[in-house]
Amino acid sequence: MSKSVSKSKSYLNQVHYIRIPVRDSDQSVKWYTEILGLELLTITEESYAVLKMNEGPMLLVLVPTEDDTYAHFSVKDESAFSIGFTSPLLKEFHQYLIENDVKVDEITEDHGHYYFHFYDPSGNKLQVHW
């Protein structure tokens, strides 16, 4: 039996930011700005680093924690990413990350869609595709 879903008015406009846990704020800010090229906008009183990518409205907030936690989750006991980036220069970006000692997985093709996973210094699993 299927349920009928009616579309209601959304009061939401866009996703403003995503928060991810990091173990070492200074190291993470350096990595996200120097390796990924994000712009550091501010560091809050709570030591949250607020970063912006290009001209888009989305912000990435690095939240310092000593807890053993990540911005990814598990599906059927396999790690699944929660943040996906796009890059028209996927192969070049993959090589760039390798050259900068970033943990990266191999590029995968799925029906003409190419992607790979990589990890920040705190172990957060990220994806980039094109």
N, C-alpha and C. Protein backbone atom coordinates (compact mmCIF):
# COMPACT_ATOMS: atom_id res chain seq x y z
N MET A 1 0.85 -1.17 0.00
CA MET A 1 0.00 0.00 0.00
C MET A 1 0.90 1.23 0.00
N SER A 2 0.69 2.11 -0.95
CA SER A 2 1.49 3.34 -1.00
C SER A 2 0.71 4.49 -0.39
N LYS A 3 1.43 5.39 0.19
CA LYS A 3 0.82 6.55 0.81
C LYS A 3 0.88 7.71 -0.17
N SER A 4 -0.16 8.47 -0.21
CA SER A 4 -0.19 9.65 -1.06
C SER A 4 0.52 10.79 -0.33
N VAL A 5 1.43 11.42 -1.02
CA VAL A 5 2.17 12.54 -0.43
C VAL A 5 1.76 13.81 -1.16
N SER A 6 1.23 14.75 -0.41
CA SER A 6 0.85 16.00 -1.03
C SER A 6 1.97 17.01 -0.84
N LYS A 7 2.15 17.84 -1.83
CA LYS A 7 3.19 18.87 -1.74
C LYS A 7 2.63 20.06 -0.99
N SER A 8 3.35 20.47 0.02
CA SER A 8 2.94 21.65 0.76
C SER A 8 3.95 22.75 0.51
N LYS A 9 3.58 23.95 0.87
CA LYS A 9 4.47 25.08 0.72
C LYS A 9 5.69 24.88 1.60
N SER A 10 6.86 25.14 1.06
CA SER A 10 8.07 25.05 1.85
C SER A 10 8.41 26.42 2.40
N TYR A 11 8.72 26.45 3.66
CA TYR A 11 9.14 27.70 4.29
C TYR A 11 10.66 27.87 4.21
N LEU A 12 11.33 26.88 3.66
CA LEU A 12 12.78 26.89 3.59
C LEU A 12 13.25 27.40 2.24
N ASN A 13 14.33 28.16 2.24
CA ASN A 13 14.85 28.76 1.02
C ASN A 13 16.05 27.98 0.49
N GLN A 14 17.01 27.67 1.35
CA GLN A 14 18.22 26.97 0.95
C GLN A 14 18.94 26.46 2.18
N VAL A 15 19.92 25.59 1.98
CA VAL A 15 20.77 25.17 3.08
C VAL A 15 21.82 26.25 3.26
N HIS A 16 21.91 26.81 4.44
CA HIS A 16 22.84 27.91 4.69
C HIS A 16 24.24 27.41 5.05
N TYR A 17 24.32 26.38 5.90
CA TYR A 17 25.62 25.86 6.28
C TYR A 17 25.51 24.41 6.70
N ILE A 18 26.66 23.76 6.69
CA ILE A 18 26.81 22.39 7.17
C ILE A 18 27.91 22.44 8.23
N ARG A 19 27.67 21.79 9.37
CA ARG A 19 28.65 21.75 10.45
C ARG A 19 29.31 20.37 10.45
N ILE A 20 30.64 20.36 10.58
CA ILE A 20 31.34 19.08 10.68
C ILE A 20 32.31 19.12 11.85
N PRO A 21 32.50 17.98 12.51
CA PRO A 21 33.40 17.93 13.65
C PRO A 21 34.85 17.84 13.20
N VAL A 22 35.73 18.53 13.90
CA VAL A 22 37.17 18.46 13.63
C VAL A 22 37.91 18.33 14.96
N ARG A 23 39.01 17.61 14.94
CA ARG A 23 39.78 17.38 16.15
C ARG A 23 40.75 18.53 16.46
N ASP A 24 41.37 19.08 15.41
CA ASP A 24 42.37 20.14 15.57
C ASP A 24 41.94 21.31 14.69
N SER A 25 41.40 22.35 15.32
CA SER A 25 40.86 23.49 14.56
C SER A 25 41.89 24.15 13.67
N ASP A 26 43.07 24.43 14.21
CA ASP A 26 44.10 25.11 13.41
C ASP A 26 44.50 24.28 12.20
N GLN A 27 44.75 23.00 12.42
CA GLN A 27 45.13 22.11 11.32
C GLN A 27 44.01 22.03 10.28
N SER A 28 42.77 21.94 10.74
CA SER A 28 41.63 21.81 9.83
C SER A 28 41.40 23.09 9.03
N VAL A 29 41.49 24.25 9.67
CA VAL A 29 41.34 25.52 8.95
C VAL A 29 42.41 25.62 7.87
N LYS A 30 43.63 25.28 8.23
CA LYS A 30 44.73 25.33 7.27
C LYS A 30 44.45 24.38 6.09
N TRP A 31 44.00 23.17 6.38
CA TRP A 31 43.73 22.18 5.34
C TRP A 31 42.60 22.63 4.42
N TYR A 32 41.49 23.08 5.00
CA TYR A 32 40.34 23.49 4.19
C TYR A 32 40.63 24.76 3.37
N THR A 33 41.48 25.64 3.87
CA THR A 33 41.81 26.85 3.11
C THR A 33 42.92 26.59 2.10
N GLU A 34 43.98 25.91 2.52
CA GLU A 34 45.11 25.70 1.62
C GLU A 34 44.91 24.56 0.63
N ILE A 35 44.34 23.46 1.06
CA ILE A 35 44.17 22.30 0.18
C ILE A 35 42.89 22.42 -0.65
N LEU A 36 41.76 22.76 -0.02
CA LEU A 36 40.50 22.85 -0.76
C LEU A 36 40.21 24.24 -1.29
N GLY A 37 40.94 25.25 -0.82
CA GLY A 37 40.75 26.61 -1.35
C GLY A 37 39.52 27.34 -0.84
N LEU A 38 38.97 26.90 0.30
CA LEU A 38 37.84 27.62 0.87
C LEU A 38 38.34 28.89 1.54
N GLU A 39 37.47 29.86 1.66
CA GLU A 39 37.82 31.15 2.28
C GLU A 39 37.37 31.16 3.73
N LEU A 40 38.28 31.46 4.65
CA LEU A 40 37.93 31.59 6.06
C LEU A 40 37.25 32.94 6.25
N LEU A 41 35.99 32.92 6.70
CA LEU A 41 35.25 34.16 6.94
C LEU A 41 35.46 34.66 8.36
N THR A 42 35.40 33.75 9.32
CA THR A 42 35.55 34.15 10.72
C THR A 42 35.79 32.93 11.59
N ILE A 43 36.27 33.18 12.78
CA ILE A 43 36.31 32.17 13.83
C ILE A 43 35.49 32.74 14.98
N THR A 44 34.45 32.02 15.37
CA THR A 44 33.51 32.52 16.37
C THR A 44 34.09 32.44 17.78
N GLU A 45 33.36 32.98 18.74
CA GLU A 45 33.76 32.91 20.14
C GLU A 45 33.88 31.46 20.62
N GLU A 46 33.07 30.56 20.01
CA GLU A 46 33.10 29.15 20.38
C GLU A 46 34.20 28.39 19.64
N SER A 47 35.05 29.11 18.89
CA SER A 47 36.14 28.54 18.08
C SER A 47 35.64 27.78 16.85
N TYR A 48 34.41 28.07 16.41
CA TYR A 48 33.92 27.50 15.17
C TYR A 48 34.53 28.29 14.02
N ALA A 49 35.08 27.60 13.04
CA ALA A 49 35.62 28.25 11.86
C ALA A 49 34.55 28.24 10.77
N VAL A 50 34.22 29.39 10.24
CA VAL A 50 33.19 29.52 9.21
C VAL A 50 33.90 29.76 7.88
N LEU A 51 33.68 28.84 6.94
CA LEU A 51 34.35 28.89 5.65
C LEU A 51 33.34 28.99 4.51
N LYS A 52 33.77 29.59 3.41
CA LYS A 52 32.90 29.77 2.25
C LYS A 52 33.63 29.28 1.01
N MET A 53 32.87 28.67 0.09
CA MET A 53 33.44 28.20 -1.15
C MET A 53 32.90 29.05 -2.30
N ASN A 54 33.80 29.65 -3.04
CA ASN A 54 33.45 30.47 -4.20
C ASN A 54 32.36 31.48 -3.86
N GLU A 55 31.41 31.66 -4.76
CA GLU A 55 30.38 32.67 -4.56
C GLU A 55 29.05 32.11 -4.10
N GLY A 56 28.99 30.81 -3.86
CA GLY A 56 27.73 30.19 -3.45
C GLY A 56 27.30 30.58 -2.06
N PRO A 57 26.04 30.32 -1.72
CA PRO A 57 25.51 30.70 -0.40
C PRO A 57 25.89 29.72 0.71
N MET A 58 26.39 28.54 0.36
CA MET A 58 26.66 27.50 1.34
C MET A 58 27.93 27.79 2.13
N LEU A 59 27.83 27.62 3.44
CA LEU A 59 28.98 27.76 4.33
C LEU A 59 29.31 26.40 4.94
N LEU A 60 30.56 26.21 5.28
CA LEU A 60 31.01 25.03 5.98
C LEU A 60 31.55 25.49 7.32
N VAL A 61 31.04 24.91 8.40
CA VAL A 61 31.43 25.32 9.74
C VAL A 61 32.19 24.17 10.39
N LEU A 62 33.42 24.42 10.77
CA LEU A 62 34.25 23.42 11.45
C LEU A 62 34.04 23.57 12.95
N VAL A 63 33.56 22.51 13.58
CA VAL A 63 33.22 22.53 15.00
C VAL A 63 34.24 21.70 15.77
N PRO A 64 35.04 22.34 16.61
CA PRO A 64 36.05 21.58 17.35
C PRO A 64 35.41 20.63 18.37
N THR A 65 35.96 19.40 18.42
CA THR A 65 35.47 18.41 19.38
C THR A 65 36.58 17.42 19.69
N GLU A 66 36.55 16.89 20.89
CA GLU A 66 37.48 15.83 21.26
C GLU A 66 36.78 14.48 21.16
N ASP A 67 35.48 14.49 20.85
CA ASP A 67 34.71 13.25 20.74
C ASP A 67 35.14 12.47 19.51
N ASP A 68 34.93 11.17 19.56
CA ASP A 68 35.23 10.29 18.44
C ASP A 68 34.00 10.28 17.52
N THR A 69 33.87 11.33 16.70
CA THR A 69 32.70 11.48 15.85
C THR A 69 33.11 12.03 14.49
N TYR A 70 32.27 11.78 13.48
CA TYR A 70 32.59 12.19 12.11
C TYR A 70 31.35 12.75 11.42
N ALA A 71 31.58 13.40 10.28
CA ALA A 71 30.47 13.95 9.49
C ALA A 71 29.96 12.94 8.48
N HIS A 72 30.35 11.67 8.61
CA HIS A 72 29.80 10.64 7.74
C HIS A 72 29.10 9.60 8.62
N PHE A 73 28.46 8.65 7.99
CA PHE A 73 27.65 7.68 8.71
C PHE A 73 27.81 6.32 8.05
N SER A 74 27.15 5.31 8.58
CA SER A 74 27.25 3.96 8.03
C SER A 74 25.93 3.51 7.42
N VAL A 75 26.04 2.79 6.32
CA VAL A 75 24.91 2.12 5.69
C VAL A 75 25.36 0.69 5.44
N LYS A 76 24.66 -0.26 6.05
CA LYS A 76 25.03 -1.68 5.95
C LYS A 76 26.50 -1.89 6.31
N ASP A 77 26.91 -1.26 7.39
CA ASP A 77 28.27 -1.36 7.93
C ASP A 77 29.35 -0.80 7.00
N GLU A 78 28.96 0.02 6.03
CA GLU A 78 29.94 0.68 5.17
C GLU A 78 29.83 2.18 5.36
N SER A 79 30.98 2.84 5.39
CA SER A 79 31.04 4.28 5.58
C SER A 79 30.40 4.99 4.39
N ALA A 80 29.52 5.95 4.67
CA ALA A 80 28.85 6.74 3.63
C ALA A 80 29.10 8.22 3.90
N PHE A 81 29.43 8.96 2.85
CA PHE A 81 29.73 10.39 3.00
C PHE A 81 28.44 11.18 3.19
N SER A 82 28.56 12.38 3.76
CA SER A 82 27.40 13.26 3.88
C SER A 82 27.60 14.57 3.14
N ILE A 83 28.81 14.87 2.70
CA ILE A 83 29.08 16.11 1.98
C ILE A 83 29.67 15.75 0.62
N GLY A 84 29.04 16.23 -0.44
CA GLY A 84 29.52 15.98 -1.80
C GLY A 84 29.83 17.29 -2.51
N PHE A 85 31.01 17.37 -3.07
CA PHE A 85 31.43 18.54 -3.84
C PHE A 85 31.38 18.20 -5.33
N THR A 86 31.41 19.21 -6.18
CA THR A 86 31.54 19.00 -7.61
C THR A 86 32.83 19.63 -8.10
N SER A 87 33.40 19.02 -9.14
CA SER A 87 34.60 19.58 -9.76
C SER A 87 34.65 19.15 -11.22
N PRO A 88 34.68 20.12 -12.15
CA PRO A 88 34.82 19.75 -13.55
C PRO A 88 36.22 19.23 -13.87
N LEU A 89 37.17 19.42 -12.95
CA LEU A 89 38.55 18.97 -13.13
C LEU A 89 38.83 17.80 -12.18
N LEU A 90 37.98 16.80 -12.23
CA LEU A 90 38.00 15.70 -11.28
C LEU A 90 39.35 14.97 -11.25
N LYS A 91 39.88 14.59 -12.41
CA LYS A 91 41.15 13.85 -12.44
C LYS A 91 42.31 14.71 -11.94
N GLU A 92 42.32 15.97 -12.32
CA GLU A 92 43.37 16.87 -11.86
C GLU A 92 43.28 17.08 -10.35
N PHE A 93 42.06 17.23 -9.83
CA PHE A 93 41.86 17.41 -8.40
C PHE A 93 42.32 16.16 -7.65
N HIS A 94 42.00 14.99 -8.17
CA HIS A 94 42.41 13.72 -7.56
C HIS A 94 43.93 13.67 -7.44
N GLN A 95 44.62 14.01 -8.53
CA GLN A 95 46.08 14.00 -8.52
C GLN A 95 46.64 15.05 -7.55
N TYR A 96 46.02 16.22 -7.54
CA TYR A 96 46.43 17.30 -6.63
C TYR A 96 46.34 16.84 -5.17
N LEU A 97 45.25 16.16 -4.81
CA LEU A 97 45.10 15.68 -3.44
C LEU A 97 46.17 14.64 -3.10
N ILE A 98 46.44 13.74 -4.03
CA ILE A 98 47.49 12.73 -3.81
C ILE A 98 48.82 13.42 -3.57
N GLU A 99 49.15 14.40 -4.41
CA GLU A 99 50.42 15.11 -4.28
C GLU A 99 50.53 15.88 -2.96
N ASN A 100 49.38 16.18 -2.34
CA ASN A 100 49.36 16.90 -1.06
C ASN A 100 49.08 15.98 0.12
N ASP A 101 49.36 14.70 -0.09
CA ASP A 101 49.28 13.68 0.97
C ASP A 101 47.91 13.55 1.62
N VAL A 102 46.86 13.76 0.83
CA VAL A 102 45.49 13.59 1.32
C VAL A 102 45.09 12.14 1.04
N LYS A 103 44.44 11.51 2.00
CA LYS A 103 43.94 10.15 1.81
C LYS A 103 42.79 10.21 0.79
N VAL A 104 42.96 9.52 -0.33
CA VAL A 104 41.94 9.51 -1.39
C VAL A 104 41.69 8.09 -1.85
N ASP A 105 40.46 7.82 -2.27
CA ASP A 105 40.11 6.55 -2.90
C ASP A 105 40.27 6.72 -4.41
N GLU A 106 40.23 5.62 -5.11
CA GLU A 106 40.33 5.66 -6.57
C GLU A 106 39.09 6.31 -7.18
N ILE A 107 39.25 6.86 -8.37
CA ILE A 107 38.11 7.42 -9.11
C ILE A 107 37.24 6.25 -9.58
N THR A 108 35.94 6.39 -9.36
CA THR A 108 34.97 5.35 -9.72
C THR A 108 34.03 5.89 -10.78
N GLU A 109 33.64 5.03 -11.71
CA GLU A 109 32.67 5.40 -12.74
C GLU A 109 31.39 4.62 -12.50
N ASP A 110 30.27 5.31 -12.57
CA ASP A 110 28.96 4.69 -12.39
C ASP A 110 28.01 5.27 -13.43
N HIS A 111 27.82 4.56 -14.54
CA HIS A 111 26.93 4.98 -15.63
C HIS A 111 27.28 6.39 -16.14
N GLY A 112 28.55 6.62 -16.40
CA GLY A 112 28.99 7.91 -16.93
C GLY A 112 29.20 8.98 -15.87
N HIS A 113 28.98 8.64 -14.63
CA HIS A 113 29.14 9.56 -13.50
C HIS A 113 30.43 9.17 -12.79
N TYR A 114 31.37 10.11 -12.66
CA TYR A 114 32.65 9.83 -12.04
C TYR A 114 32.75 10.51 -10.68
N TYR A 115 33.34 9.81 -9.72
CA TYR A 115 33.48 10.37 -8.38
C TYR A 115 34.61 9.67 -7.63
N PHE A 116 35.02 10.28 -6.52
CA PHE A 116 35.92 9.61 -5.59
C PHE A 116 35.70 10.20 -4.21
N HIS A 117 36.15 9.46 -3.21
CA HIS A 117 36.06 9.89 -1.82
C HIS A 117 37.44 10.30 -1.34
N PHE A 118 37.45 11.25 -0.42
CA PHE A 118 38.69 11.68 0.21
C PHE A 118 38.39 12.07 1.64
N TYR A 119 39.44 12.24 2.45
CA TYR A 119 39.26 12.42 3.88
C TYR A 119 40.02 13.65 4.37
N ASP A 120 39.37 14.42 5.24
CA ASP A 120 40.05 15.57 5.83
C ASP A 120 40.95 15.10 6.98
N PRO A 121 41.73 15.99 7.58
CA PRO A 121 42.65 15.57 8.65
C PRO A 121 41.97 14.95 9.87
N SER A 122 40.68 15.21 10.07
CA SER A 122 39.95 14.63 11.19
C SER A 122 39.29 13.31 10.84
N GLY A 123 39.46 12.85 9.59
CA GLY A 123 38.89 11.58 9.17
C GLY A 123 37.50 11.66 8.59
N ASN A 124 36.97 12.87 8.36
CA ASN A 124 35.65 13.02 7.76
C ASN A 124 35.70 12.59 6.30
N LYS A 125 34.80 11.70 5.91
CA LYS A 125 34.74 11.20 4.54
C LYS A 125 33.95 12.19 3.68
N LEU A 126 34.55 12.63 2.59
CA LEU A 126 33.96 13.59 1.67
C LEU A 126 33.94 12.98 0.28
N GLN A 127 33.09 13.49 -0.59
CA GLN A 127 33.05 13.01 -1.97
C GLN A 127 33.13 14.19 -2.93
N VAL A 128 33.71 13.94 -4.09
CA VAL A 128 33.68 14.91 -5.19
C VAL A 128 33.29 14.14 -6.44
N HIS A 129 32.47 14.77 -7.28
CA HIS A 129 32.01 14.09 -8.49
C HIS A 129 31.93 15.05 -9.65
N TRP A 130 31.78 14.48 -10.82
CA TRP A 130 31.51 15.23 -12.04
C TRP A 130 30.87 14.36 -13.04
